[in-house]
Amino acid sequence: MEVIAIGSDHAAFELKENIREFLIESGYKVIDMGTDSSRSVDYPDFGIAVGEAVSRGDCDRGIVICGTGIGISISANKVKGVRAAACSDPYSARLSREHNNANVLALGARIVAPEYARSIVREWLDAKFLGGRHQKRIQKIARYESGDPQWKQ
């Protein structure tokens, strides 16, 4: 069973709960990293928490949600090994997996309606990394991230 970590800030609490339920109904194990209400919190706390869970291997992938998906994706991307993609349509979500091997999906609760968000999540979950010419690009990112001065090679 694939394990998905999920986290959001206050602006996205309701959408996080909706997506969490959708994941469970779809047969995924879910690790809920918070938040647990619509009280104001800081999105980096949750983006980084999900990113760290993905990086450590505590889960297979992660989903992070804030008002726009941008701030929380930036936060998650600060964690080594995370490739978070902020997506607001199913096509971008699919390509983020196929071409970029995104291991974290970021959504904007003020950007996408719950049912549309579910279709974005479904497309992202179903897509597979294509490898091939895309693999060398992912490897370049990993080499840069690890401090390799020859990362472009």
N, C-alpha and C. Protein backbone atom coordinates (compact mmCIF):
# COMPACT_ATOMS: atom_id res chain seq x y z
N MET A 1 0.86 -1.18 0.00
CA MET A 1 0.00 0.00 0.00
C MET A 1 0.90 1.24 0.00
N GLU A 2 0.63 2.11 -0.93
CA GLU A 2 1.40 3.35 -1.02
C GLU A 2 1.00 4.29 0.12
N VAL A 3 2.02 4.96 0.69
CA VAL A 3 1.81 5.86 1.81
C VAL A 3 2.02 7.30 1.32
N ILE A 4 1.04 8.15 1.61
CA ILE A 4 1.07 9.55 1.21
C ILE A 4 1.02 10.42 2.46
N ALA A 5 2.00 11.32 2.61
CA ALA A 5 1.95 12.32 3.68
C ALA A 5 1.20 13.54 3.15
N ILE A 6 0.41 14.15 4.00
CA ILE A 6 -0.35 15.33 3.59
C ILE A 6 -0.25 16.39 4.68
N GLY A 7 -0.16 17.64 4.24
CA GLY A 7 -0.11 18.74 5.19
C GLY A 7 -0.62 20.02 4.56
N SER A 8 -1.12 20.90 5.40
CA SER A 8 -1.64 22.18 4.90
C SER A 8 -1.54 23.25 5.97
N ASP A 9 -1.72 24.47 5.53
CA ASP A 9 -1.88 25.56 6.48
C ASP A 9 -3.37 25.76 6.74
N HIS A 10 -3.70 26.80 7.49
CA HIS A 10 -5.09 27.08 7.86
C HIS A 10 -5.99 27.37 6.66
N ALA A 11 -5.44 28.06 5.66
CA ALA A 11 -6.25 28.44 4.50
C ALA A 11 -6.71 27.21 3.71
N ALA A 12 -6.00 26.12 3.87
CA ALA A 12 -6.28 24.91 3.10
C ALA A 12 -6.75 23.75 3.96
N PHE A 13 -7.06 24.01 5.21
CA PHE A 13 -7.46 22.93 6.11
C PHE A 13 -8.63 22.12 5.56
N GLU A 14 -9.67 22.79 5.11
CA GLU A 14 -10.85 22.06 4.61
C GLU A 14 -10.51 21.23 3.38
N LEU A 15 -9.72 21.77 2.46
CA LEU A 15 -9.34 21.00 1.28
C LEU A 15 -8.44 19.83 1.66
N LYS A 16 -7.55 20.04 2.62
CA LYS A 16 -6.70 18.92 3.09
C LYS A 16 -7.56 17.78 3.60
N GLU A 17 -8.55 18.10 4.39
CA GLU A 17 -9.44 17.07 4.93
C GLU A 17 -10.16 16.34 3.80
N ASN A 18 -10.61 17.08 2.80
CA ASN A 18 -11.29 16.50 1.65
C ASN A 18 -10.35 15.55 0.90
N ILE A 19 -9.14 15.99 0.64
CA ILE A 19 -8.17 15.17 -0.10
C ILE A 19 -7.74 13.97 0.74
N ARG A 20 -7.58 14.16 2.04
CA ARG A 20 -7.23 13.04 2.93
C ARG A 20 -8.29 11.95 2.84
N GLU A 21 -9.54 12.33 2.90
CA GLU A 21 -10.64 11.36 2.78
C GLU A 21 -10.60 10.66 1.42
N PHE A 22 -10.37 11.43 0.37
CA PHE A 22 -10.28 10.89 -0.98
C PHE A 22 -9.16 9.85 -1.08
N LEU A 23 -8.01 10.15 -0.49
CA LEU A 23 -6.88 9.22 -0.52
C LEU A 23 -7.21 7.92 0.20
N ILE A 24 -7.81 8.03 1.36
CA ILE A 24 -8.19 6.84 2.13
C ILE A 24 -9.20 6.01 1.35
N GLU A 25 -10.22 6.67 0.79
CA GLU A 25 -11.22 5.97 -0.02
C GLU A 25 -10.59 5.28 -1.22
N SER A 26 -9.50 5.84 -1.72
CA SER A 26 -8.82 5.29 -2.89
C SER A 26 -7.80 4.21 -2.54
N GLY A 27 -7.70 3.88 -1.25
CA GLY A 27 -6.84 2.78 -0.83
C GLY A 27 -5.43 3.15 -0.42
N TYR A 28 -5.16 4.41 -0.20
CA TYR A 28 -3.84 4.85 0.24
C TYR A 28 -3.80 4.94 1.75
N LYS A 29 -2.61 4.70 2.31
CA LYS A 29 -2.39 4.99 3.72
C LYS A 29 -1.96 6.45 3.79
N VAL A 30 -2.53 7.20 4.72
CA VAL A 30 -2.27 8.64 4.80
C VAL A 30 -1.63 8.98 6.14
N ILE A 31 -0.54 9.74 6.07
CA ILE A 31 0.08 10.32 7.26
C ILE A 31 -0.29 11.80 7.25
N ASP A 32 -1.13 12.22 8.19
CA ASP A 32 -1.59 13.61 8.26
C ASP A 32 -0.61 14.40 9.12
N MET A 33 0.09 15.33 8.49
CA MET A 33 1.11 16.13 9.17
C MET A 33 0.53 17.45 9.71
N GLY A 34 -0.80 17.63 9.59
CA GLY A 34 -1.43 18.85 10.09
C GLY A 34 -1.63 19.87 8.99
N THR A 35 -2.21 20.92 9.30
CA THR A 35 -2.73 21.44 10.53
C THR A 35 -4.06 20.77 10.85
N ASP A 36 -4.56 21.04 12.06
CA ASP A 36 -5.77 20.36 12.49
C ASP A 36 -6.97 21.29 12.66
N SER A 37 -6.87 22.51 12.12
CA SER A 37 -7.99 23.45 12.21
C SER A 37 -7.75 24.61 11.25
N SER A 38 -8.68 25.55 11.24
CA SER A 38 -8.52 26.74 10.40
C SER A 38 -7.90 27.90 11.17
N ARG A 39 -7.33 27.62 12.35
CA ARG A 39 -6.58 28.65 13.09
C ARG A 39 -5.32 29.01 12.32
N SER A 40 -4.94 30.25 12.32
CA SER A 40 -3.79 30.72 11.56
C SER A 40 -2.50 30.03 12.00
N VAL A 41 -1.78 29.50 11.01
CA VAL A 41 -0.49 28.84 11.21
C VAL A 41 0.44 29.25 10.07
N ASP A 42 1.68 28.84 10.14
CA ASP A 42 2.67 29.17 9.13
C ASP A 42 2.87 28.01 8.17
N TYR A 43 2.62 28.23 6.88
CA TYR A 43 2.72 27.16 5.88
C TYR A 43 4.08 26.48 5.82
N PRO A 44 5.22 27.17 6.08
CA PRO A 44 6.50 26.45 6.00
C PRO A 44 6.58 25.26 6.96
N ASP A 45 5.93 25.37 8.12
CA ASP A 45 5.98 24.27 9.09
C ASP A 45 5.45 22.97 8.48
N PHE A 46 4.44 23.08 7.67
CA PHE A 46 3.78 21.90 7.13
C PHE A 46 4.41 21.45 5.81
N GLY A 47 4.85 22.40 5.00
CA GLY A 47 5.55 22.04 3.76
C GLY A 47 6.85 21.32 4.05
N ILE A 48 7.58 21.83 5.04
CA ILE A 48 8.85 21.20 5.42
C ILE A 48 8.61 19.85 6.09
N ALA A 49 7.60 19.76 6.93
CA ALA A 49 7.30 18.48 7.60
C ALA A 49 6.99 17.38 6.58
N VAL A 50 6.16 17.70 5.60
CA VAL A 50 5.85 16.71 4.56
C VAL A 50 7.10 16.41 3.74
N GLY A 51 7.84 17.45 3.37
CA GLY A 51 9.07 17.24 2.61
C GLY A 51 10.05 16.34 3.33
N GLU A 52 10.22 16.55 4.63
CA GLU A 52 11.12 15.70 5.41
C GLU A 52 10.63 14.26 5.47
N ALA A 53 9.32 14.06 5.59
CA ALA A 53 8.78 12.70 5.61
C ALA A 53 9.07 11.99 4.29
N VAL A 54 8.94 12.71 3.18
CA VAL A 54 9.25 12.13 1.87
C VAL A 54 10.74 11.85 1.77
N SER A 55 11.56 12.81 2.16
CA SER A 55 13.01 12.68 2.07
C SER A 55 13.54 11.52 2.90
N ARG A 56 12.99 11.33 4.08
CA ARG A 56 13.41 10.24 4.98
C ARG A 56 12.92 8.88 4.51
N GLY A 57 11.90 8.88 3.64
CA GLY A 57 11.33 7.62 3.21
C GLY A 57 10.22 7.12 4.11
N ASP A 58 9.71 7.98 4.99
CA ASP A 58 8.58 7.61 5.85
C ASP A 58 7.30 7.41 5.03
N CYS A 59 7.28 7.98 3.84
CA CYS A 59 6.13 7.86 2.95
C CYS A 59 6.66 7.80 1.52
N ASP A 60 5.81 7.41 0.61
CA ASP A 60 6.20 7.31 -0.80
C ASP A 60 6.17 8.66 -1.50
N ARG A 61 5.15 9.45 -1.19
CA ARG A 61 4.97 10.77 -1.80
C ARG A 61 4.26 11.67 -0.81
N GLY A 62 4.16 12.95 -1.16
CA GLY A 62 3.47 13.89 -0.29
C GLY A 62 2.59 14.85 -1.06
N ILE A 63 1.62 15.39 -0.36
CA ILE A 63 0.73 16.42 -0.90
C ILE A 63 0.70 17.56 0.11
N VAL A 64 0.96 18.78 -0.36
CA VAL A 64 0.95 19.96 0.49
C VAL A 64 -0.02 20.98 -0.10
N ILE A 65 -0.71 21.70 0.79
CA ILE A 65 -1.75 22.60 0.32
C ILE A 65 -1.72 23.89 1.16
N CYS A 66 -1.73 25.02 0.48
CA CYS A 66 -1.90 26.32 1.14
C CYS A 66 -2.88 27.11 0.29
N GLY A 67 -2.94 28.41 0.49
CA GLY A 67 -3.90 29.22 -0.27
C GLY A 67 -3.69 29.13 -1.77
N THR A 68 -2.45 29.29 -2.21
CA THR A 68 -2.15 29.24 -3.65
C THR A 68 -1.37 28.00 -4.06
N GLY A 69 -0.76 27.31 -3.10
CA GLY A 69 0.12 26.19 -3.41
C GLY A 69 1.55 26.62 -3.62
N ILE A 70 1.78 27.90 -3.74
CA ILE A 70 3.12 28.40 -4.06
C ILE A 70 4.03 28.41 -2.84
N GLY A 71 3.62 29.08 -1.78
CA GLY A 71 4.47 29.18 -0.60
C GLY A 71 4.82 27.82 -0.02
N ILE A 72 3.85 26.94 0.06
CA ILE A 72 4.09 25.63 0.66
C ILE A 72 4.97 24.76 -0.24
N SER A 73 4.87 24.98 -1.57
CA SER A 73 5.75 24.23 -2.48
C SER A 73 7.18 24.73 -2.36
N ILE A 74 7.36 26.03 -2.22
CA ILE A 74 8.70 26.59 -2.03
C ILE A 74 9.31 26.00 -0.76
N SER A 75 8.52 25.94 0.30
CA SER A 75 9.00 25.38 1.57
C SER A 75 9.39 23.91 1.42
N ALA A 76 8.53 23.12 0.82
CA ALA A 76 8.83 21.70 0.64
C ALA A 76 10.07 21.50 -0.20
N ASN A 77 10.26 22.35 -1.21
CA ASN A 77 11.42 22.22 -2.10
C ASN A 77 12.74 22.56 -1.42
N LYS A 78 12.71 23.13 -0.24
CA LYS A 78 13.94 23.41 0.50
C LYS A 78 14.52 22.13 1.12
N VAL A 79 13.74 21.07 1.17
CA VAL A 79 14.18 19.81 1.74
C VAL A 79 14.91 19.00 0.66
N LYS A 80 16.10 18.56 0.99
CA LYS A 80 16.92 17.80 0.05
C LYS A 80 16.15 16.56 -0.44
N GLY A 81 16.15 16.40 -1.76
CA GLY A 81 15.50 15.24 -2.36
C GLY A 81 14.04 15.45 -2.73
N VAL A 82 13.49 16.59 -2.38
CA VAL A 82 12.08 16.86 -2.69
C VAL A 82 11.99 17.59 -4.02
N ARG A 83 11.05 17.13 -4.83
CA ARG A 83 10.71 17.79 -6.08
C ARG A 83 9.20 18.07 -6.02
N ALA A 84 8.86 19.23 -5.46
CA ALA A 84 7.46 19.61 -5.28
C ALA A 84 7.00 20.44 -6.47
N ALA A 85 5.83 20.10 -6.98
CA ALA A 85 5.26 20.81 -8.12
C ALA A 85 3.91 21.39 -7.73
N ALA A 86 3.77 22.70 -7.87
CA ALA A 86 2.49 23.36 -7.65
C ALA A 86 1.68 23.24 -8.93
N CYS A 87 0.57 22.53 -8.85
CA CYS A 87 -0.24 22.25 -10.04
C CYS A 87 -1.68 22.70 -9.81
N SER A 88 -2.26 23.30 -10.84
CA SER A 88 -3.66 23.72 -10.74
C SER A 88 -4.52 23.10 -11.83
N ASP A 89 -3.96 22.08 -12.51
CA ASP A 89 -4.74 21.35 -13.51
C ASP A 89 -4.20 19.92 -13.61
N PRO A 90 -5.02 18.99 -14.06
CA PRO A 90 -4.60 17.59 -14.15
C PRO A 90 -3.43 17.36 -15.12
N TYR A 91 -3.39 18.07 -16.23
CA TYR A 91 -2.32 17.89 -17.21
C TYR A 91 -0.96 18.21 -16.61
N SER A 92 -0.84 19.34 -15.93
CA SER A 92 0.42 19.70 -15.28
C SER A 92 0.79 18.69 -14.21
N ALA A 93 -0.20 18.22 -13.47
CA ALA A 93 0.06 17.22 -12.44
C ALA A 93 0.63 15.94 -13.06
N ARG A 94 0.04 15.50 -14.16
CA ARG A 94 0.53 14.28 -14.83
C ARG A 94 1.95 14.49 -15.31
N LEU A 95 2.21 15.61 -15.98
CA LEU A 95 3.56 15.86 -16.50
C LEU A 95 4.58 16.06 -15.38
N SER A 96 4.14 16.58 -14.24
CA SER A 96 5.08 16.73 -13.12
C SER A 96 5.61 15.38 -12.67
N ARG A 97 4.83 14.34 -12.83
CA ARG A 97 5.28 12.97 -12.51
C ARG A 97 6.04 12.37 -13.69
N GLU A 98 5.47 12.46 -14.88
CA GLU A 98 6.07 11.81 -16.05
C GLU A 98 7.43 12.40 -16.40
N HIS A 99 7.57 13.71 -16.36
CA HIS A 99 8.80 14.38 -16.79
C HIS A 99 9.72 14.78 -15.66
N ASN A 100 9.15 15.16 -14.50
CA ASN A 100 9.95 15.72 -13.41
C ASN A 100 10.05 14.81 -12.20
N ASN A 101 9.34 13.69 -12.24
CA ASN A 101 9.31 12.75 -11.12
C ASN A 101 9.01 13.46 -9.80
N ALA A 102 8.05 14.37 -9.85
CA ALA A 102 7.66 15.12 -8.65
C ALA A 102 7.20 14.14 -7.58
N ASN A 103 7.80 14.27 -6.40
CA ASN A 103 7.41 13.39 -5.29
C ASN A 103 6.52 14.11 -4.28
N VAL A 104 6.26 15.38 -4.52
CA VAL A 104 5.32 16.15 -3.72
C VAL A 104 4.45 16.98 -4.67
N LEU A 105 3.15 16.93 -4.46
CA LEU A 105 2.19 17.72 -5.20
C LEU A 105 1.72 18.86 -4.31
N ALA A 106 1.74 20.07 -4.84
CA ALA A 106 1.24 21.23 -4.10
C ALA A 106 -0.02 21.76 -4.78
N LEU A 107 -1.01 22.06 -3.96
CA LEU A 107 -2.29 22.58 -4.45
C LEU A 107 -2.62 23.89 -3.75
N GLY A 108 -3.41 24.71 -4.43
CA GLY A 108 -3.89 25.96 -3.87
C GLY A 108 -5.36 25.88 -3.56
N ALA A 109 -5.71 25.94 -2.30
CA ALA A 109 -7.12 25.84 -1.90
C ALA A 109 -7.95 27.02 -2.38
N ARG A 110 -7.30 28.16 -2.63
CA ARG A 110 -8.03 29.32 -3.14
C ARG A 110 -8.03 29.34 -4.66
N ILE A 111 -7.40 28.34 -5.27
CA ILE A 111 -7.25 28.28 -6.72
C ILE A 111 -8.14 27.20 -7.33
N VAL A 112 -8.22 26.05 -6.68
CA VAL A 112 -8.97 24.92 -7.24
C VAL A 112 -10.09 24.48 -6.29
N ALA A 113 -11.23 24.17 -6.87
CA ALA A 113 -12.36 23.66 -6.10
C ALA A 113 -12.08 22.22 -5.68
N PRO A 114 -12.72 21.76 -4.60
CA PRO A 114 -12.44 20.41 -4.09
C PRO A 114 -12.56 19.28 -5.11
N GLU A 115 -13.62 19.26 -5.89
CA GLU A 115 -13.76 18.17 -6.87
C GLU A 115 -12.68 18.23 -7.94
N TYR A 116 -12.33 19.42 -8.36
CA TYR A 116 -11.26 19.58 -9.35
C TYR A 116 -9.92 19.19 -8.74
N ALA A 117 -9.73 19.54 -7.47
CA ALA A 117 -8.50 19.15 -6.77
C ALA A 117 -8.37 17.63 -6.73
N ARG A 118 -9.48 16.95 -6.52
CA ARG A 118 -9.45 15.47 -6.52
C ARG A 118 -9.02 14.94 -7.89
N SER A 119 -9.47 15.57 -8.96
CA SER A 119 -9.06 15.11 -10.29
C SER A 119 -7.57 15.37 -10.53
N ILE A 120 -7.06 16.45 -9.99
CA ILE A 120 -5.63 16.74 -10.09
C ILE A 120 -4.83 15.69 -9.32
N VAL A 121 -5.27 15.40 -8.11
CA VAL A 121 -4.60 14.40 -7.29
C VAL A 121 -4.65 13.03 -7.97
N ARG A 122 -5.79 12.65 -8.49
CA ARG A 122 -5.93 11.35 -9.16
C ARG A 122 -4.97 11.25 -10.33
N GLU A 123 -4.90 12.26 -11.15
CA GLU A 123 -3.99 12.25 -12.31
C GLU A 123 -2.54 12.12 -11.85
N TRP A 124 -2.17 12.83 -10.79
CA TRP A 124 -0.81 12.80 -10.26
C TRP A 124 -0.48 11.42 -9.68
N LEU A 125 -1.43 10.85 -8.96
CA LEU A 125 -1.20 9.53 -8.38
C LEU A 125 -1.07 8.44 -9.44
N ASP A 126 -1.83 8.55 -10.50
CA ASP A 126 -1.83 7.52 -11.54
C ASP A 126 -0.65 7.60 -12.50
N ALA A 127 -0.05 8.78 -12.61
CA ALA A 127 1.06 8.98 -13.56
C ALA A 127 2.33 8.33 -13.05
N LYS A 128 3.16 7.88 -13.97
CA LYS A 128 4.45 7.25 -13.66
C LYS A 128 5.57 8.02 -14.34
N PHE A 129 6.72 8.08 -13.67
CA PHE A 129 7.90 8.73 -14.22
C PHE A 129 8.34 7.97 -15.47
N LEU A 130 8.59 8.71 -16.55
CA LEU A 130 8.95 8.09 -17.82
C LEU A 130 10.43 7.76 -17.94
N GLY A 131 11.27 8.36 -17.10
CA GLY A 131 12.71 8.10 -17.17
C GLY A 131 13.27 8.61 -18.48
N GLY A 132 14.15 7.82 -19.10
CA GLY A 132 14.74 8.20 -20.38
C GLY A 132 15.42 9.55 -20.32
N ARG A 133 15.11 10.39 -21.30
CA ARG A 133 15.76 11.71 -21.37
C ARG A 133 15.49 12.57 -20.14
N HIS A 134 14.41 12.27 -19.43
CA HIS A 134 14.06 13.03 -18.23
C HIS A 134 14.95 12.65 -17.05
N GLN A 135 15.45 11.42 -17.04
CA GLN A 135 16.26 10.95 -15.92
C GLN A 135 17.52 11.78 -15.74
N LYS A 136 18.19 12.11 -16.84
CA LYS A 136 19.43 12.86 -16.71
C LYS A 136 19.18 14.24 -16.12
N ARG A 137 18.03 14.81 -16.36
CA ARG A 137 17.70 16.12 -15.81
C ARG A 137 17.46 16.05 -14.31
N ILE A 138 16.79 14.99 -13.89
CA ILE A 138 16.56 14.77 -12.47
C ILE A 138 17.90 14.54 -11.77
N GLN A 139 18.79 13.81 -12.42
CA GLN A 139 20.11 13.55 -11.85
C GLN A 139 20.92 14.85 -11.72
N LYS A 140 20.79 15.75 -12.69
CA LYS A 140 21.48 17.04 -12.59
C LYS A 140 21.01 17.81 -11.36
N ILE A 141 19.72 17.83 -11.15
CA ILE A 141 19.17 18.52 -9.98
C ILE A 141 19.74 17.91 -8.71
N ALA A 142 19.76 16.58 -8.63
CA ALA A 142 20.27 15.90 -7.44
C ALA A 142 21.76 16.19 -7.23
N ARG A 143 22.53 16.23 -8.31
CA ARG A 143 23.96 16.53 -8.18
C ARG A 143 24.16 17.97 -7.69
N TYR A 144 23.42 18.91 -8.24
CA TYR A 144 23.52 20.30 -7.78
C TYR A 144 23.16 20.39 -6.30
N GLU A 145 22.07 19.73 -5.95
CA GLU A 145 21.57 19.76 -4.58
C GLU A 145 22.60 19.20 -3.60
N SER A 146 23.38 18.22 -4.05
CA SER A 146 24.38 17.61 -3.16
C SER A 146 25.69 18.39 -3.13
N GLY A 147 25.76 19.49 -3.90
CA GLY A 147 26.96 20.32 -3.88
C GLY A 147 28.03 19.91 -4.86
N ASP A 148 27.71 19.03 -5.78
CA ASP A 148 28.67 18.56 -6.77
C ASP A 148 29.02 19.71 -7.72
N PRO A 149 30.29 20.16 -7.74
CA PRO A 149 30.66 21.26 -8.65
C PRO A 149 30.60 20.87 -10.12
N GLN A 150 30.54 19.59 -10.38
CA GLN A 150 30.45 19.07 -11.76
C GLN A 150 29.00 18.71 -12.13
N TRP A 151 28.04 19.34 -11.48
CA TRP A 151 26.64 18.96 -11.65
C TRP A 151 26.14 19.04 -13.09
N LYS A 152 26.74 19.89 -13.91
CA LYS A 152 26.28 20.03 -15.29
C LYS A 152 26.75 18.88 -16.19
N GLN A 153 27.73 18.13 -15.75
CA GLN A 153 28.30 17.05 -16.58
C GLN A 153 27.34 15.93 -16.80
